[in-house]
N, C-alpha and C. Protein backbone atom coordinates (compact mmCIF):
# COMPACT_ATOMS: atom_id res chain seq x y z
N UNK A 1 -120.76 -114.34 49.92
CA UNK A 1 -120.29 -113.01 49.58
C UNK A 1 -118.86 -112.89 49.99
N UNK A 2 -118.58 -113.32 51.18
CA UNK A 2 -117.21 -113.25 51.67
C UNK A 2 -116.30 -114.08 50.79
N UNK A 3 -116.76 -115.19 50.33
CA UNK A 3 -115.96 -116.06 49.48
C UNK A 3 -115.72 -115.44 48.13
N UNK A 4 -116.69 -114.68 47.63
CA UNK A 4 -116.54 -113.99 46.35
C UNK A 4 -115.47 -112.95 46.44
N UNK A 5 -115.44 -112.18 47.55
CA UNK A 5 -114.43 -111.11 47.73
C UNK A 5 -113.06 -111.73 47.80
N UNK A 6 -112.96 -112.85 48.53
CA UNK A 6 -111.66 -113.49 48.67
C UNK A 6 -111.19 -114.03 47.32
N UNK A 7 -112.11 -114.45 46.48
CA UNK A 7 -111.72 -114.96 45.17
C UNK A 7 -111.31 -113.85 44.24
N UNK A 8 -111.90 -112.66 44.34
CA UNK A 8 -111.58 -111.53 43.45
C UNK A 8 -110.31 -110.79 43.90
N UNK A 9 -109.97 -110.87 45.16
CA UNK A 9 -108.84 -110.10 45.69
C UNK A 9 -107.53 -110.47 44.99
N UNK A 10 -107.19 -111.77 44.84
CA UNK A 10 -105.95 -112.09 44.13
C UNK A 10 -105.99 -111.64 42.69
N UNK A 11 -107.18 -111.67 42.07
CA UNK A 11 -107.31 -111.22 40.68
C UNK A 11 -107.01 -109.75 40.57
N UNK A 12 -107.52 -108.93 41.53
CA UNK A 12 -107.26 -107.48 41.52
C UNK A 12 -105.77 -107.20 41.71
N UNK A 13 -105.16 -107.98 42.57
CA UNK A 13 -103.73 -107.79 42.80
C UNK A 13 -102.92 -108.05 41.53
N UNK A 14 -103.31 -109.10 40.82
CA UNK A 14 -102.60 -109.45 39.59
C UNK A 14 -102.80 -108.36 38.53
N UNK A 15 -104.02 -107.87 38.44
CA UNK A 15 -104.29 -106.79 37.47
C UNK A 15 -103.49 -105.54 37.82
N UNK A 16 -103.41 -105.22 39.11
CA UNK A 16 -102.65 -104.02 39.54
C UNK A 16 -101.19 -104.17 39.28
N UNK A 17 -100.62 -105.38 39.52
CA UNK A 17 -99.19 -105.58 39.26
C UNK A 17 -98.89 -105.49 37.80
N UNK A 18 -99.74 -106.08 37.00
CA UNK A 18 -99.51 -106.01 35.56
C UNK A 18 -99.58 -104.60 35.04
N UNK A 19 -100.45 -103.77 35.58
CA UNK A 19 -100.59 -102.35 35.11
C UNK A 19 -99.37 -101.57 35.51
N UNK A 20 -98.86 -101.91 36.74
CA UNK A 20 -97.68 -101.20 37.20
C UNK A 20 -96.48 -101.57 36.39
N UNK A 21 -96.36 -102.83 36.03
CA UNK A 21 -95.24 -103.28 35.22
C UNK A 21 -95.27 -102.69 33.83
N UNK A 22 -96.50 -102.52 33.31
CA UNK A 22 -96.60 -101.99 31.94
C UNK A 22 -96.20 -100.52 31.88
N UNK A 23 -96.34 -99.68 32.98
CA UNK A 23 -96.00 -98.25 32.96
C UNK A 23 -94.55 -98.01 33.33
N UNK A 24 -93.90 -98.92 33.99
CA UNK A 24 -92.54 -98.69 34.45
C UNK A 24 -91.58 -98.81 33.28
N UNK A 25 -90.63 -97.85 33.19
CA UNK A 25 -89.62 -97.83 32.13
C UNK A 25 -88.52 -98.83 32.47
N UNK A 26 -87.86 -99.34 31.49
CA UNK A 26 -86.77 -100.28 31.76
C UNK A 26 -85.60 -99.57 32.42
N UNK A 27 -84.94 -100.19 33.31
CA UNK A 27 -83.82 -99.60 34.06
C UNK A 27 -82.53 -100.00 33.39
N UNK A 28 -81.66 -99.00 33.09
CA UNK A 28 -80.36 -99.24 32.49
C UNK A 28 -79.31 -99.08 33.56
N UNK A 29 -78.14 -99.68 33.35
CA UNK A 29 -77.07 -99.64 34.33
C UNK A 29 -76.44 -98.25 34.31
N UNK A 30 -76.23 -97.64 35.50
CA UNK A 30 -75.66 -96.30 35.60
C UNK A 30 -76.68 -95.20 35.51
N UNK A 31 -77.94 -95.53 35.23
CA UNK A 31 -79.01 -94.54 35.12
C UNK A 31 -79.72 -94.45 36.45
N UNK A 32 -80.13 -93.18 36.77
CA UNK A 32 -80.87 -92.99 38.03
C UNK A 32 -82.25 -93.58 37.89
N UNK A 33 -82.71 -94.31 38.88
CA UNK A 33 -84.04 -94.89 38.80
C UNK A 33 -85.11 -93.83 38.80
N UNK A 34 -86.13 -94.01 37.94
CA UNK A 34 -87.23 -93.05 37.82
C UNK A 34 -88.42 -93.58 38.63
N UNK A 35 -88.36 -93.39 39.89
CA UNK A 35 -89.46 -93.85 40.73
C UNK A 35 -90.17 -92.69 41.38
N UNK A 36 -91.17 -92.97 42.11
CA UNK A 36 -91.89 -91.87 42.77
C UNK A 36 -91.06 -91.22 43.85
N UNK A 37 -89.98 -91.82 44.32
CA UNK A 37 -89.12 -91.25 45.34
C UNK A 37 -87.75 -91.00 44.77
N UNK A 38 -87.23 -89.74 44.95
CA UNK A 38 -85.92 -89.36 44.40
C UNK A 38 -84.83 -89.76 45.36
N UNK A 39 -83.67 -90.00 44.78
CA UNK A 39 -82.51 -90.37 45.58
C UNK A 39 -81.87 -89.12 46.15
N UNK A 40 -80.97 -89.21 47.13
CA UNK A 40 -80.28 -88.03 47.68
C UNK A 40 -79.51 -87.25 46.63
N UNK A 41 -78.92 -87.95 45.65
CA UNK A 41 -78.17 -87.27 44.58
C UNK A 41 -79.11 -86.40 43.74
N UNK A 42 -80.28 -86.95 43.43
CA UNK A 42 -81.25 -86.17 42.67
C UNK A 42 -81.71 -84.96 43.46
N UNK A 43 -81.90 -85.15 44.76
CA UNK A 43 -82.31 -84.02 45.61
C UNK A 43 -81.25 -82.94 45.62
N UNK A 44 -79.95 -83.38 45.68
CA UNK A 44 -78.87 -82.40 45.65
C UNK A 44 -78.84 -81.64 44.33
N UNK A 45 -79.01 -82.42 43.24
CA UNK A 45 -79.00 -81.78 41.92
C UNK A 45 -80.15 -80.78 41.79
N UNK A 46 -81.34 -81.20 42.27
CA UNK A 46 -82.46 -80.28 42.22
C UNK A 46 -82.19 -79.02 43.06
N UNK A 47 -81.59 -79.24 44.25
CA UNK A 47 -81.27 -78.12 45.13
C UNK A 47 -80.26 -77.19 44.47
N UNK A 48 -79.25 -77.81 43.81
CA UNK A 48 -78.24 -76.99 43.12
C UNK A 48 -78.87 -76.20 41.98
N UNK A 49 -79.78 -76.86 41.24
CA UNK A 49 -80.47 -76.16 40.15
C UNK A 49 -81.29 -74.99 40.68
N UNK A 50 -82.02 -75.28 41.79
CA UNK A 50 -82.83 -74.21 42.39
C UNK A 50 -81.93 -73.08 42.86
N UNK A 51 -80.79 -73.41 43.50
CA UNK A 51 -79.85 -72.39 44.00
C UNK A 51 -79.24 -71.61 42.84
N UNK A 52 -78.89 -72.38 41.77
CA UNK A 52 -78.33 -71.72 40.58
C UNK A 52 -79.35 -70.76 39.97
N UNK A 53 -80.59 -71.22 39.87
CA UNK A 53 -81.65 -70.36 39.32
C UNK A 53 -81.85 -69.14 40.21
N UNK A 54 -81.78 -69.36 41.54
CA UNK A 54 -81.95 -68.24 42.45
C UNK A 54 -80.80 -67.25 42.32
N UNK A 55 -79.56 -67.82 42.25
CA UNK A 55 -78.39 -66.94 42.08
C UNK A 55 -78.49 -66.17 40.77
N UNK A 56 -78.90 -66.88 39.68
CA UNK A 56 -79.04 -66.23 38.38
C UNK A 56 -80.10 -65.14 38.43
N UNK A 57 -81.22 -65.44 39.14
CA UNK A 57 -82.28 -64.44 39.26
C UNK A 57 -81.79 -63.23 40.04
N UNK A 58 -81.03 -63.51 41.16
CA UNK A 58 -80.47 -62.40 41.94
C UNK A 58 -79.48 -61.60 41.11
N UNK A 59 -78.64 -62.33 40.33
CA UNK A 59 -77.66 -61.64 39.47
C UNK A 59 -78.36 -60.79 38.42
N UNK A 60 -79.41 -61.38 37.81
CA UNK A 60 -80.17 -60.60 36.81
C UNK A 60 -80.80 -59.37 37.45
N UNK A 61 -81.28 -59.55 38.68
CA UNK A 61 -81.87 -58.43 39.39
C UNK A 61 -80.84 -57.35 39.67
N UNK A 62 -79.63 -57.79 40.13
CA UNK A 62 -78.56 -56.84 40.39
C UNK A 62 -78.13 -56.12 39.11
N UNK A 63 -78.02 -56.92 38.03
CA UNK A 63 -77.64 -56.33 36.74
C UNK A 63 -78.69 -55.32 36.28
N UNK A 64 -79.97 -55.70 36.49
CA UNK A 64 -81.05 -54.78 36.11
C UNK A 64 -80.97 -53.50 36.94
N UNK A 65 -80.69 -53.64 38.25
CA UNK A 65 -80.55 -52.45 39.11
C UNK A 65 -79.36 -51.59 38.69
N UNK A 66 -78.23 -52.31 38.39
CA UNK A 66 -77.03 -51.58 37.94
C UNK A 66 -77.31 -50.83 36.63
N UNK A 67 -77.97 -51.54 35.69
CA UNK A 67 -78.30 -50.91 34.41
C UNK A 67 -79.23 -49.71 34.60
N UNK A 68 -80.18 -49.89 35.54
CA UNK A 68 -81.11 -48.80 35.81
C UNK A 68 -80.37 -47.60 36.40
N UNK A 69 -79.49 -47.88 37.38
CA UNK A 69 -78.70 -46.80 37.98
C UNK A 69 -77.81 -46.14 36.94
N UNK A 70 -77.21 -47.00 36.06
CA UNK A 70 -76.36 -46.45 34.99
C UNK A 70 -77.17 -45.56 34.06
N UNK A 71 -78.36 -46.03 33.69
CA UNK A 71 -79.22 -45.23 32.80
C UNK A 71 -79.60 -43.91 33.45
N UNK A 72 -79.88 -43.97 34.76
CA UNK A 72 -80.23 -42.74 35.49
C UNK A 72 -79.05 -41.77 35.48
N UNK A 73 -77.83 -42.32 35.76
CA UNK A 73 -76.64 -41.47 35.77
C UNK A 73 -76.37 -40.88 34.39
N UNK A 74 -76.53 -41.74 33.36
CA UNK A 74 -76.31 -41.26 31.99
C UNK A 74 -77.31 -40.16 31.65
N UNK A 75 -78.57 -40.37 32.01
CA UNK A 75 -79.60 -39.35 31.75
C UNK A 75 -79.30 -38.08 32.52
N UNK A 76 -78.81 -38.26 33.77
CA UNK A 76 -78.45 -37.10 34.59
C UNK A 76 -77.30 -36.34 33.95
N UNK A 77 -76.28 -37.10 33.49
CA UNK A 77 -75.15 -36.46 32.82
C UNK A 77 -75.59 -35.74 31.55
N UNK A 78 -76.51 -36.40 30.80
CA UNK A 78 -77.01 -35.76 29.57
C UNK A 78 -77.75 -34.48 29.91
N UNK A 79 -78.57 -34.53 30.98
CA UNK A 79 -79.32 -33.34 31.39
C UNK A 79 -78.36 -32.23 31.83
N UNK A 80 -77.34 -32.62 32.64
CA UNK A 80 -76.36 -31.62 33.09
C UNK A 80 -75.59 -31.05 31.91
N UNK A 81 -75.26 -31.94 30.95
CA UNK A 81 -74.55 -31.47 29.75
C UNK A 81 -75.42 -30.50 28.95
N UNK A 82 -76.70 -30.84 28.82
CA UNK A 82 -77.62 -29.94 28.10
C UNK A 82 -77.74 -28.60 28.81
N UNK A 83 -77.83 -28.65 30.14
CA UNK A 83 -77.93 -27.41 30.91
C UNK A 83 -76.66 -26.58 30.74
N UNK A 84 -75.48 -27.28 30.85
CA UNK A 84 -74.21 -26.57 30.69
C UNK A 84 -74.09 -26.00 29.27
N UNK A 85 -74.52 -26.80 28.27
CA UNK A 85 -74.46 -26.33 26.89
C UNK A 85 -75.36 -25.12 26.69
N UNK A 86 -76.57 -25.18 27.31
CA UNK A 86 -77.49 -24.03 27.20
C UNK A 86 -76.89 -22.80 27.87
N UNK A 87 -76.23 -23.01 29.03
CA UNK A 87 -75.58 -21.88 29.72
C UNK A 87 -74.46 -21.29 28.89
N UNK A 88 -73.64 -22.18 28.29
CA UNK A 88 -72.53 -21.71 27.44
C UNK A 88 -73.07 -20.97 26.22
N UNK A 89 -74.14 -21.53 25.61
CA UNK A 89 -74.75 -20.87 24.45
C UNK A 89 -75.27 -19.49 24.83
N UNK A 90 -75.89 -19.41 26.02
CA UNK A 90 -76.41 -18.12 26.49
C UNK A 90 -75.28 -17.14 26.72
N UNK A 91 -74.18 -17.61 27.36
CA UNK A 91 -73.05 -16.73 27.59
C UNK A 91 -72.42 -16.27 26.29
N UNK A 92 -72.30 -17.21 25.33
CA UNK A 92 -71.74 -16.84 24.01
C UNK A 92 -72.62 -15.80 23.33
N UNK A 93 -73.95 -16.01 23.41
CA UNK A 93 -74.88 -15.05 22.80
C UNK A 93 -74.76 -13.69 23.48
N UNK A 94 -74.63 -13.68 24.83
CA UNK A 94 -74.48 -12.42 25.54
C UNK A 94 -73.17 -11.74 25.18
N UNK A 95 -72.09 -12.53 25.05
CA UNK A 95 -70.80 -11.97 24.67
C UNK A 95 -70.87 -11.38 23.27
N UNK A 96 -71.53 -12.11 22.35
CA UNK A 96 -71.68 -11.59 20.98
C UNK A 96 -72.49 -10.30 20.98
N UNK A 97 -73.57 -10.27 21.76
CA UNK A 97 -74.39 -9.05 21.83
C UNK A 97 -73.58 -7.89 22.42
N UNK A 98 -72.79 -8.19 23.47
CA UNK A 98 -71.96 -7.15 24.08
C UNK A 98 -70.91 -6.66 23.10
N UNK A 99 -70.30 -7.62 22.35
CA UNK A 99 -69.29 -7.24 21.36
C UNK A 99 -69.89 -6.38 20.27
N UNK A 100 -71.09 -6.76 19.79
CA UNK A 100 -71.77 -5.95 18.76
C UNK A 100 -72.09 -4.57 19.29
N UNK A 101 -72.56 -4.51 20.56
CA UNK A 101 -72.89 -3.21 21.16
C UNK A 101 -71.65 -2.33 21.25
N UNK A 102 -70.53 -2.92 21.69
CA UNK A 102 -69.27 -2.16 21.79
C UNK A 102 -68.83 -1.69 20.41
N UNK A 103 -68.96 -2.59 19.40
CA UNK A 103 -68.57 -2.23 18.03
C UNK A 103 -69.43 -1.08 17.51
N UNK A 104 -70.76 -1.15 17.78
CA UNK A 104 -71.66 -0.08 17.33
C UNK A 104 -71.31 1.24 18.03
N UNK A 105 -71.05 1.17 19.36
CA UNK A 105 -70.68 2.39 20.08
C UNK A 105 -69.37 2.95 19.56
N UNK A 106 -68.42 2.07 19.26
CA UNK A 106 -67.13 2.52 18.73
C UNK A 106 -67.31 3.17 17.37
N UNK A 107 -68.13 2.54 16.51
CA UNK A 107 -68.40 3.14 15.20
C UNK A 107 -69.07 4.51 15.34
N UNK A 108 -70.01 4.59 16.32
CA UNK A 108 -70.69 5.87 16.54
C UNK A 108 -69.69 6.94 17.02
N UNK A 109 -68.80 6.54 17.94
CA UNK A 109 -67.78 7.48 18.42
C UNK A 109 -66.85 7.90 17.28
N UNK A 110 -66.44 6.93 16.46
CA UNK A 110 -65.57 7.26 15.33
C UNK A 110 -66.27 8.20 14.34
N UNK A 111 -67.57 7.92 14.10
CA UNK A 111 -68.32 8.78 13.18
C UNK A 111 -68.45 10.19 13.76
N UNK A 112 -68.75 10.27 15.08
CA UNK A 112 -68.85 11.58 15.73
C UNK A 112 -67.51 12.32 15.67
N UNK A 113 -66.42 11.60 15.96
CA UNK A 113 -65.09 12.21 15.90
C UNK A 113 -64.78 12.68 14.48
N UNK A 114 -65.16 11.87 13.49
CA UNK A 114 -64.92 12.22 12.10
C UNK A 114 -65.71 13.48 11.72
N UNK A 115 -66.96 13.55 12.19
CA UNK A 115 -67.79 14.73 11.89
C UNK A 115 -67.19 15.97 12.54
N UNK A 116 -66.75 15.84 13.81
CA UNK A 116 -66.11 16.97 14.49
C UNK A 116 -64.83 17.38 13.77
N UNK A 117 -64.08 16.40 13.31
CA UNK A 117 -62.83 16.68 12.60
C UNK A 117 -63.11 17.44 11.30
N UNK A 118 -64.12 16.97 10.56
CA UNK A 118 -64.49 17.65 9.31
C UNK A 118 -64.98 19.07 9.61
N UNK A 119 -65.79 19.22 10.67
CA UNK A 119 -66.28 20.54 11.04
C UNK A 119 -65.14 21.49 11.39
N UNK A 120 -64.17 20.97 12.18
CA UNK A 120 -63.01 21.80 12.55
C UNK A 120 -62.20 22.17 11.32
N UNK A 121 -62.01 21.21 10.40
CA UNK A 121 -61.25 21.49 9.18
C UNK A 121 -61.95 22.55 8.32
N UNK A 122 -63.29 22.42 8.21
CA UNK A 122 -64.04 23.42 7.43
C UNK A 122 -63.97 24.79 8.10
N UNK A 123 -64.07 24.79 9.43
CA UNK A 123 -63.98 26.07 10.14
C UNK A 123 -62.63 26.73 9.93
N UNK A 124 -61.56 25.92 10.04
CA UNK A 124 -60.22 26.46 9.77
C UNK A 124 -60.08 26.95 8.33
N UNK A 125 -60.67 26.20 7.40
CA UNK A 125 -60.60 26.60 5.99
C UNK A 125 -61.33 27.93 5.77
N UNK A 126 -62.56 28.05 6.35
CA UNK A 126 -63.30 29.31 6.22
C UNK A 126 -62.54 30.47 6.86
N UNK A 127 -61.97 30.20 8.04
CA UNK A 127 -61.20 31.26 8.71
C UNK A 127 -60.00 31.67 7.87
N UNK A 128 -59.30 30.70 7.29
CA UNK A 128 -58.14 31.01 6.46
C UNK A 128 -58.55 31.81 5.23
N UNK A 129 -59.65 31.35 4.58
CA UNK A 129 -60.12 32.08 3.40
C UNK A 129 -60.55 33.50 3.77
N UNK A 130 -61.24 33.63 4.91
CA UNK A 130 -61.68 34.96 5.33
C UNK A 130 -60.47 35.85 5.63
N UNK A 131 -59.49 35.27 6.37
CA UNK A 131 -58.28 36.05 6.71
C UNK A 131 -57.50 36.40 5.45
N UNK A 132 -57.33 35.40 4.57
CA UNK A 132 -56.55 35.64 3.35
C UNK A 132 -57.25 36.65 2.46
N UNK A 133 -58.60 36.48 2.34
CA UNK A 133 -59.35 37.42 1.50
C UNK A 133 -59.31 38.83 2.09
N UNK A 134 -59.47 38.94 3.42
CA UNK A 134 -59.39 40.24 4.07
C UNK A 134 -58.03 40.87 3.93
N UNK A 135 -56.99 40.04 4.09
CA UNK A 135 -55.62 40.55 3.95
C UNK A 135 -55.38 41.04 2.54
N UNK A 136 -55.81 40.22 1.58
CA UNK A 136 -55.63 40.64 0.18
C UNK A 136 -56.42 41.91 -0.11
N UNK A 137 -57.61 41.97 0.48
CA UNK A 137 -58.44 43.17 0.26
C UNK A 137 -57.74 44.40 0.83
N UNK A 138 -57.19 44.26 2.05
CA UNK A 138 -56.47 45.38 2.65
C UNK A 138 -55.25 45.77 1.81
N UNK A 139 -54.54 44.72 1.34
CA UNK A 139 -53.37 45.00 0.52
C UNK A 139 -53.78 45.70 -0.78
N UNK A 140 -54.87 45.22 -1.38
CA UNK A 140 -55.33 45.85 -2.62
C UNK A 140 -55.77 47.30 -2.36
N UNK A 141 -56.47 47.50 -1.24
CA UNK A 141 -56.88 48.87 -0.90
C UNK A 141 -55.67 49.76 -0.67
N UNK A 142 -54.65 49.21 0.02
CA UNK A 142 -53.44 50.01 0.29
C UNK A 142 -52.73 50.33 -1.02
N UNK A 143 -52.64 49.31 -1.89
CA UNK A 143 -51.99 49.56 -3.18
C UNK A 143 -52.76 50.61 -3.98
N UNK A 144 -54.08 50.46 -3.96
CA UNK A 144 -54.91 51.43 -4.68
C UNK A 144 -54.75 52.83 -4.08
N UNK A 145 -54.71 52.87 -2.74
CA UNK A 145 -54.52 54.16 -2.06
C UNK A 145 -53.17 54.75 -2.41
N UNK A 146 -52.13 53.91 -2.41
CA UNK A 146 -50.78 54.39 -2.76
C UNK A 146 -50.76 54.91 -4.19
N UNK A 147 -51.44 54.17 -5.08
CA UNK A 147 -51.48 54.62 -6.47
C UNK A 147 -52.19 55.98 -6.58
N UNK A 148 -53.30 56.14 -5.85
CA UNK A 148 -54.00 57.43 -5.88
C UNK A 148 -53.14 58.56 -5.33
N UNK A 149 -52.46 58.28 -4.21
CA UNK A 149 -51.59 59.29 -3.63
C UNK A 149 -50.45 59.66 -4.59
N UNK A 150 -49.92 58.62 -5.24
CA UNK A 150 -48.83 58.87 -6.19
C UNK A 150 -49.34 59.74 -7.34
N UNK A 151 -50.53 59.40 -7.84
CA UNK A 151 -51.10 60.20 -8.93
C UNK A 151 -51.37 61.64 -8.48
N UNK A 152 -51.88 61.80 -7.26
CA UNK A 152 -52.12 63.15 -6.74
C UNK A 152 -50.84 63.94 -6.60
N UNK A 153 -49.81 63.27 -6.12
CA UNK A 153 -48.52 63.95 -5.98
C UNK A 153 -47.96 64.36 -7.34
N UNK A 154 -48.10 63.44 -8.30
CA UNK A 154 -47.61 63.76 -9.65
C UNK A 154 -48.36 64.95 -10.22
N UNK A 155 -49.69 64.90 -10.04
CA UNK A 155 -50.51 66.02 -10.55
C UNK A 155 -50.16 67.33 -9.83
N UNK A 156 -49.95 67.19 -8.49
CA UNK A 156 -49.58 68.39 -7.73
C UNK A 156 -48.25 68.95 -8.19
N UNK A 157 -47.29 68.08 -8.42
CA UNK A 157 -45.99 68.53 -8.91
C UNK A 157 -46.11 69.17 -10.30
N UNK A 158 -46.93 68.53 -11.13
CA UNK A 158 -47.12 69.11 -12.47
C UNK A 158 -47.74 70.50 -12.37
N UNK A 159 -48.74 70.63 -11.48
CA UNK A 159 -49.38 71.94 -11.31
C UNK A 159 -48.39 72.96 -10.78
N UNK A 160 -47.57 72.52 -9.78
CA UNK A 160 -46.58 73.45 -9.23
C UNK A 160 -45.55 73.83 -10.28
N UNK A 161 -45.15 72.86 -11.12
CA UNK A 161 -44.19 73.17 -12.19
C UNK A 161 -44.79 74.16 -13.19
N UNK A 162 -46.06 73.93 -13.52
CA UNK A 162 -46.72 74.87 -14.45
C UNK A 162 -46.83 76.26 -13.84
N UNK A 163 -47.14 76.33 -12.51
CA UNK A 163 -47.20 77.61 -11.85
C UNK A 163 -45.84 78.27 -11.84
N UNK A 164 -44.79 77.44 -11.58
CA UNK A 164 -43.43 78.01 -11.57
C UNK A 164 -43.07 78.54 -12.94
N UNK A 165 -43.46 77.81 -13.98
CA UNK A 165 -43.17 78.28 -15.35
C UNK A 165 -43.90 79.60 -15.63
N UNK A 166 -45.15 79.70 -15.19
CA UNK A 166 -45.90 80.95 -15.40
C UNK A 166 -45.29 82.10 -14.63
N UNK A 167 -44.80 81.80 -13.39
CA UNK A 167 -44.15 82.85 -12.61
C UNK A 167 -42.89 83.33 -13.30
N UNK A 168 -42.11 82.34 -13.83
CA UNK A 168 -40.90 82.73 -14.53
C UNK A 168 -41.24 83.58 -15.76
N UNK A 169 -42.28 83.16 -16.44
CA UNK A 169 -42.71 83.95 -17.61
C UNK A 169 -43.13 85.36 -17.19
N UNK A 170 -43.84 85.46 -16.10
CA UNK A 170 -44.27 86.78 -15.62
C UNK A 170 -43.09 87.64 -15.20
N UNK A 171 -42.10 87.03 -14.53
CA UNK A 171 -40.93 87.77 -14.07
C UNK A 171 -40.11 88.26 -15.27
N UNK A 172 -39.93 87.36 -16.25
CA UNK A 172 -39.11 87.70 -17.42
C UNK A 172 -39.82 88.66 -18.37
N UNK A 173 -41.13 88.80 -18.22
CA UNK A 173 -41.86 89.70 -19.14
C UNK A 173 -41.57 91.17 -18.85
N UNK A 174 -41.20 91.54 -17.63
CA UNK A 174 -40.87 92.92 -17.25
C UNK A 174 -42.09 93.77 -17.02
N UNK A 175 -43.25 93.18 -16.95
CA UNK A 175 -44.49 93.93 -16.76
C UNK A 175 -44.83 94.12 -15.29
N UNK A 176 -44.10 93.45 -14.39
CA UNK A 176 -44.43 93.50 -12.98
C UNK A 176 -43.58 94.54 -12.27
N UNK A 177 -44.11 95.04 -11.18
CA UNK A 177 -43.36 95.99 -10.36
C UNK A 177 -42.30 95.23 -9.57
N UNK A 178 -41.29 95.96 -9.05
CA UNK A 178 -40.25 95.26 -8.29
C UNK A 178 -40.81 94.50 -7.09
N UNK A 179 -41.79 95.03 -6.42
CA UNK A 179 -42.38 94.33 -5.26
C UNK A 179 -43.06 93.02 -5.70
N UNK A 180 -43.81 93.09 -6.80
CA UNK A 180 -44.48 91.88 -7.30
C UNK A 180 -43.44 90.83 -7.73
N UNK A 181 -42.36 91.31 -8.35
CA UNK A 181 -41.31 90.39 -8.77
C UNK A 181 -40.69 89.70 -7.56
N UNK A 182 -40.43 90.51 -6.50
CA UNK A 182 -39.83 89.92 -5.29
C UNK A 182 -40.76 88.86 -4.68
N UNK A 183 -42.06 89.19 -4.59
CA UNK A 183 -43.01 88.22 -4.05
C UNK A 183 -43.08 86.96 -4.90
N UNK A 184 -43.09 87.13 -6.24
CA UNK A 184 -43.11 85.97 -7.13
C UNK A 184 -41.84 85.14 -6.99
N UNK A 185 -40.71 85.85 -6.82
CA UNK A 185 -39.43 85.12 -6.67
C UNK A 185 -39.46 84.31 -5.37
N UNK A 186 -39.95 84.96 -4.28
CA UNK A 186 -40.05 84.21 -3.00
C UNK A 186 -40.97 83.00 -3.15
N UNK A 187 -42.11 83.23 -3.79
CA UNK A 187 -43.06 82.11 -3.99
C UNK A 187 -42.43 81.03 -4.86
N UNK A 188 -41.71 81.43 -5.90
CA UNK A 188 -41.07 80.47 -6.80
C UNK A 188 -40.02 79.65 -6.05
N UNK A 189 -39.23 80.33 -5.19
CA UNK A 189 -38.21 79.61 -4.41
C UNK A 189 -38.87 78.61 -3.46
N UNK A 190 -39.92 79.08 -2.83
CA UNK A 190 -40.64 78.19 -1.90
C UNK A 190 -41.22 76.97 -2.63
N UNK A 191 -41.83 77.23 -3.81
CA UNK A 191 -42.40 76.13 -4.60
C UNK A 191 -41.31 75.19 -5.10
N UNK A 192 -40.21 75.73 -5.53
CA UNK A 192 -39.09 74.90 -6.03
C UNK A 192 -38.52 74.04 -4.92
N UNK A 193 -38.40 74.63 -3.72
CA UNK A 193 -37.88 73.87 -2.57
C UNK A 193 -38.79 72.68 -2.25
N UNK A 194 -40.09 72.91 -2.27
CA UNK A 194 -41.04 71.82 -2.02
C UNK A 194 -40.97 70.74 -3.08
N UNK A 195 -40.82 71.18 -4.34
CA UNK A 195 -40.71 70.19 -5.42
C UNK A 195 -39.46 69.32 -5.24
N UNK A 196 -38.36 69.96 -4.86
CA UNK A 196 -37.11 69.22 -4.66
C UNK A 196 -37.25 68.22 -3.50
N UNK A 197 -37.90 68.71 -2.39
CA UNK A 197 -38.11 67.82 -1.25
C UNK A 197 -39.01 66.64 -1.60
N UNK A 198 -40.06 66.90 -2.38
CA UNK A 198 -40.97 65.82 -2.77
C UNK A 198 -40.27 64.80 -3.67
N UNK A 199 -39.39 65.24 -4.54
CA UNK A 199 -38.64 64.34 -5.41
C UNK A 199 -37.69 63.47 -4.62
N UNK A 200 -37.16 64.05 -3.54
CA UNK A 200 -36.26 63.27 -2.70
C UNK A 200 -37.04 62.18 -1.97
């Protein structure tokens, strides 16, 4: 048994070496050997790659944080802008409402003033018409009264003249006594004097 193992051992070694040789890649000059153990240069390169990847990951993380902060600030600015815009819109609406209210009040005041002005003008017109009509009425009444007085005076003068003519006829007829003649003459003189005064 021991002899069998010793005889198979070199055979196993040969088979193992041949299998190892068949899997190994050919080595070129200037190329890093591809063995189960890496050289210090390969370790450095791997370390640099790992560091570069770590730096890139950290940079991406920082960029992501910066972008997130930027987005938050932008959203905050947008929100503040919307709030400010809403406040300005509200103030503009309040100003417009106040302006409309003032305009309506002004129109109402102007309309009231216009109505009062028309009322005062109509009152003055009625007063003028009443005064003018009353004045004309008084003037017409005075004229009418003067005309009546003038007619009465004319009639009175005519009557006195007719009486004077009758007295003269009576005096010239010679039918009256001297006393009656004297009384008629006195009456005639008195009547004539009044007629002369009235004519003046």
